[in-house]
Every structure is written in structure tokens, then in C-alpha cells.
Amino acid sequence: MIRVDTFVARQPIIDRNEKIFAYELLFRQGHETSYSSIDGDKATGDVISNSFLTIGMDTLTGGKRGFINFTEIY
């Protein structure tokens, strides 16, 4: 049996009243607290699949909005 841990970091986005408006969802490869140098497209794909399919948006954001960064398209 292979165990695969799933990690997504979230950073609060606050409004002018310092209330949490939403969360920025960030790729994490493990317990590291910073971004590793993985390919940006793969990182975005992992955040999307982990957020929606594995963990669940309600669990991650508590019903608030979630924002995900995408790489620039040329």
C-alpha cells in the first residue's frame, strides 16, 4: 500500500475591516512552508485537484471563496 499525503496551504485574504474575505490556495509538496521549484503548471494542477477532489473546498475555505494562481499564457 502506498500512502500519498496531500498538502495545500491557504493564505487569508482580508477585507478593509480585517475580516477574512477569501483564501489564496497555494501548492505545497510536503510539510515545507515555502514554494518548491516545481513546474508552475503542475503546481496549479495539483492545487486544483487536491482542493476540489481530495480535500474539498468546504474543508479548505469554510465556505469562503478560494483563489488559485495560474501561470501566464503567452
N, C-alpha and C. Protein backbone atom coordinates (compact mmCIF):
# COMPACT_ATOMS: atom_id res chain seq x y z
N MET A 1 0.84 -1.18 0.00
CA MET A 1 0.00 0.00 0.00
C MET A 1 0.89 1.24 0.00
N ILE A 2 0.59 2.18 -0.87
CA ILE A 2 1.33 3.42 -0.96
C ILE A 2 0.50 4.53 -0.31
N ARG A 3 1.14 5.26 0.58
CA ARG A 3 0.45 6.37 1.23
C ARG A 3 0.86 7.66 0.53
N VAL A 4 -0.12 8.43 0.11
CA VAL A 4 0.14 9.71 -0.54
C VAL A 4 -0.49 10.80 0.32
N ASP A 5 0.35 11.68 0.84
CA ASP A 5 -0.16 12.80 1.61
C ASP A 5 -0.48 13.95 0.66
N THR A 6 -1.52 14.67 0.97
CA THR A 6 -1.97 15.77 0.15
C THR A 6 -1.81 17.06 0.94
N PHE A 7 -1.18 18.05 0.33
CA PHE A 7 -0.94 19.32 1.01
C PHE A 7 -1.39 20.49 0.14
N VAL A 8 -2.10 21.40 0.75
CA VAL A 8 -2.44 22.68 0.14
C VAL A 8 -2.35 23.70 1.27
N ALA A 9 -1.62 24.78 1.02
CA ALA A 9 -1.56 25.86 2.02
C ALA A 9 -2.64 26.87 1.69
N ARG A 10 -3.09 27.58 2.69
CA ARG A 10 -4.05 28.65 2.43
C ARG A 10 -3.58 29.91 3.14
N GLN A 11 -3.72 31.00 2.45
CA GLN A 11 -3.34 32.30 3.00
C GLN A 11 -4.58 33.18 2.99
N PRO A 12 -4.95 33.73 4.13
CA PRO A 12 -6.16 34.54 4.17
C PRO A 12 -6.03 35.83 3.37
N ILE A 13 -7.10 36.21 2.72
CA ILE A 13 -7.22 37.49 2.05
C ILE A 13 -8.25 38.27 2.86
N ILE A 14 -7.83 39.39 3.41
CA ILE A 14 -8.73 40.12 4.30
C ILE A 14 -9.29 41.36 3.61
N ASP A 15 -10.46 41.78 4.07
CA ASP A 15 -11.07 43.00 3.54
C ASP A 15 -10.60 44.21 4.35
N ARG A 16 -11.14 45.35 4.05
CA ARG A 16 -10.70 46.58 4.72
C ARG A 16 -11.05 46.60 6.20
N ASN A 17 -11.97 45.74 6.62
CA ASN A 17 -12.34 45.65 8.04
C ASN A 17 -11.57 44.54 8.75
N GLU A 18 -10.56 44.01 8.06
CA GLU A 18 -9.71 42.94 8.57
C GLU A 18 -10.47 41.65 8.87
N LYS A 19 -11.51 41.41 8.10
CA LYS A 19 -12.26 40.15 8.15
C LYS A 19 -11.80 39.30 6.97
N ILE A 20 -11.80 38.00 7.16
CA ILE A 20 -11.37 37.12 6.07
C ILE A 20 -12.43 37.11 4.98
N PHE A 21 -12.02 37.54 3.79
CA PHE A 21 -12.89 37.58 2.62
C PHE A 21 -12.78 36.28 1.82
N ALA A 22 -11.56 35.76 1.72
CA ALA A 22 -11.29 34.58 0.91
C ALA A 22 -9.93 34.02 1.32
N TYR A 23 -9.53 32.94 0.64
CA TYR A 23 -8.22 32.35 0.85
C TYR A 23 -7.52 32.17 -0.49
N GLU A 24 -6.22 32.45 -0.51
CA GLU A 24 -5.40 32.08 -1.65
C GLU A 24 -4.90 30.67 -1.37
N LEU A 25 -5.15 29.76 -2.29
CA LEU A 25 -4.75 28.36 -2.12
C LEU A 25 -3.42 28.16 -2.81
N LEU A 26 -2.47 27.59 -2.08
CA LEU A 26 -1.08 27.51 -2.55
C LEU A 26 -0.58 26.08 -2.56
N PHE A 27 0.22 25.75 -3.55
CA PHE A 27 0.82 24.43 -3.67
C PHE A 27 1.86 24.21 -2.58
N ARG A 28 1.83 23.03 -1.98
CA ARG A 28 2.87 22.58 -1.07
C ARG A 28 3.14 21.11 -1.36
N GLN A 29 4.40 20.77 -1.43
CA GLN A 29 4.78 19.40 -1.75
C GLN A 29 4.86 18.53 -0.50
N GLY A 30 4.94 19.13 0.64
CA GLY A 30 5.04 18.40 1.89
C GLY A 30 4.82 19.36 3.04
N HIS A 31 5.50 19.11 4.13
CA HIS A 31 5.35 19.97 5.30
C HIS A 31 6.15 21.26 5.18
N GLU A 32 6.78 21.48 4.03
CA GLU A 32 7.54 22.71 3.82
C GLU A 32 6.60 23.90 3.86
N THR A 33 7.10 25.03 4.34
CA THR A 33 6.25 26.22 4.43
C THR A 33 6.48 27.19 3.29
N SER A 34 7.30 26.80 2.32
CA SER A 34 7.53 27.66 1.18
C SER A 34 7.39 26.87 -0.11
N TYR A 35 7.27 27.60 -1.20
CA TYR A 35 7.10 27.01 -2.53
C TYR A 35 8.38 26.34 -2.98
N SER A 36 8.27 25.11 -3.47
CA SER A 36 9.44 24.45 -4.06
C SER A 36 9.48 24.81 -5.55
N SER A 37 10.51 24.45 -6.22
CA SER A 37 10.69 24.88 -7.62
C SER A 37 10.03 23.95 -8.62
N ILE A 38 8.89 23.40 -8.28
CA ILE A 38 8.15 22.54 -9.21
C ILE A 38 7.59 23.39 -10.36
N ASP A 39 7.34 22.78 -11.47
CA ASP A 39 6.74 23.45 -12.62
C ASP A 39 5.42 24.12 -12.20
N GLY A 40 5.25 25.39 -12.60
CA GLY A 40 4.07 26.16 -12.22
C GLY A 40 2.76 25.54 -12.67
N ASP A 41 2.74 24.98 -13.88
CA ASP A 41 1.51 24.35 -14.38
C ASP A 41 1.16 23.11 -13.56
N LYS A 42 2.17 22.33 -13.19
CA LYS A 42 1.93 21.15 -12.36
C LYS A 42 1.46 21.56 -10.97
N ALA A 43 2.07 22.60 -10.41
CA ALA A 43 1.66 23.08 -9.10
C ALA A 43 0.19 23.52 -9.12
N THR A 44 -0.20 24.26 -10.15
CA THR A 44 -1.59 24.70 -10.26
C THR A 44 -2.53 23.51 -10.39
N GLY A 45 -2.16 22.55 -11.22
CA GLY A 45 -2.98 21.35 -11.38
C GLY A 45 -3.14 20.59 -10.07
N ASP A 46 -2.06 20.48 -9.32
CA ASP A 46 -2.12 19.79 -8.03
C ASP A 46 -3.01 20.53 -7.04
N VAL A 47 -2.91 21.86 -7.01
CA VAL A 47 -3.76 22.64 -6.11
C VAL A 47 -5.23 22.43 -6.47
N ILE A 48 -5.54 22.47 -7.75
CA ILE A 48 -6.93 22.28 -8.19
C ILE A 48 -7.43 20.89 -7.81
N SER A 49 -6.69 19.86 -8.16
CA SER A 49 -7.17 18.50 -7.89
C SER A 49 -7.23 18.23 -6.39
N ASN A 50 -6.24 18.69 -5.63
CA ASN A 50 -6.26 18.46 -4.19
C ASN A 50 -7.37 19.25 -3.51
N SER A 51 -7.59 20.49 -3.95
CA SER A 51 -8.60 21.34 -3.33
C SER A 51 -10.01 20.84 -3.59
N PHE A 52 -10.29 20.47 -4.82
CA PHE A 52 -11.64 20.08 -5.18
C PHE A 52 -11.93 18.60 -4.98
N LEU A 53 -10.98 17.75 -5.34
CA LEU A 53 -11.26 16.32 -5.35
C LEU A 53 -10.82 15.59 -4.09
N THR A 54 -9.69 15.96 -3.52
CA THR A 54 -9.15 15.20 -2.40
C THR A 54 -9.57 15.77 -1.06
N ILE A 55 -9.34 17.06 -0.85
CA ILE A 55 -9.62 17.67 0.44
C ILE A 55 -11.04 18.22 0.50
N GLY A 56 -11.43 18.96 -0.52
CA GLY A 56 -12.76 19.57 -0.56
C GLY A 56 -12.68 21.05 -0.23
N MET A 57 -13.36 21.85 -1.03
CA MET A 57 -13.32 23.29 -0.85
C MET A 57 -13.94 23.74 0.47
N ASP A 58 -15.01 23.10 0.90
CA ASP A 58 -15.62 23.50 2.18
C ASP A 58 -14.66 23.29 3.33
N THR A 59 -13.89 22.21 3.29
CA THR A 59 -12.90 21.95 4.32
C THR A 59 -11.79 23.00 4.29
N LEU A 60 -11.34 23.36 3.10
CA LEU A 60 -10.24 24.32 2.97
C LEU A 60 -10.64 25.75 3.27
N THR A 61 -11.82 26.15 2.83
CA THR A 61 -12.17 27.57 2.91
C THR A 61 -13.32 27.88 3.87
N GLY A 62 -13.95 26.86 4.41
CA GLY A 62 -15.07 27.11 5.32
C GLY A 62 -16.20 27.88 4.66
N GLY A 63 -16.40 27.65 3.36
CA GLY A 63 -17.48 28.31 2.63
C GLY A 63 -17.09 29.66 2.03
N LYS A 64 -15.86 30.10 2.28
CA LYS A 64 -15.41 31.36 1.69
C LYS A 64 -14.84 31.08 0.29
N ARG A 65 -14.58 32.12 -0.46
CA ARG A 65 -14.01 31.98 -1.79
C ARG A 65 -12.58 31.48 -1.71
N GLY A 66 -12.15 30.80 -2.76
CA GLY A 66 -10.78 30.34 -2.87
C GLY A 66 -10.18 30.82 -4.17
N PHE A 67 -8.96 31.37 -4.11
CA PHE A 67 -8.27 31.86 -5.29
C PHE A 67 -7.04 30.99 -5.55
N ILE A 68 -6.82 30.68 -6.81
CA ILE A 68 -5.69 29.86 -7.22
C ILE A 68 -4.90 30.60 -8.28
N ASN A 69 -3.58 30.65 -8.14
CA ASN A 69 -2.73 31.30 -9.14
C ASN A 69 -2.55 30.39 -10.36
N PHE A 70 -2.52 31.00 -11.52
CA PHE A 70 -2.27 30.30 -12.77
C PHE A 70 -1.02 30.88 -13.41
N THR A 71 -0.31 30.06 -14.18
CA THR A 71 0.84 30.57 -14.90
C THR A 71 0.34 31.43 -16.09
N GLU A 72 1.20 32.32 -16.53
CA GLU A 72 0.84 33.23 -17.62
C GLU A 72 0.85 32.48 -18.94
N ILE A 73 -0.13 32.77 -19.77
CA ILE A 73 -0.21 32.18 -21.10
C ILE A 73 0.34 33.21 -22.09
N TYR A 74 1.24 32.77 -22.93
CA TYR A 74 1.85 33.67 -23.91
C TYR A 74 1.18 33.57 -25.23
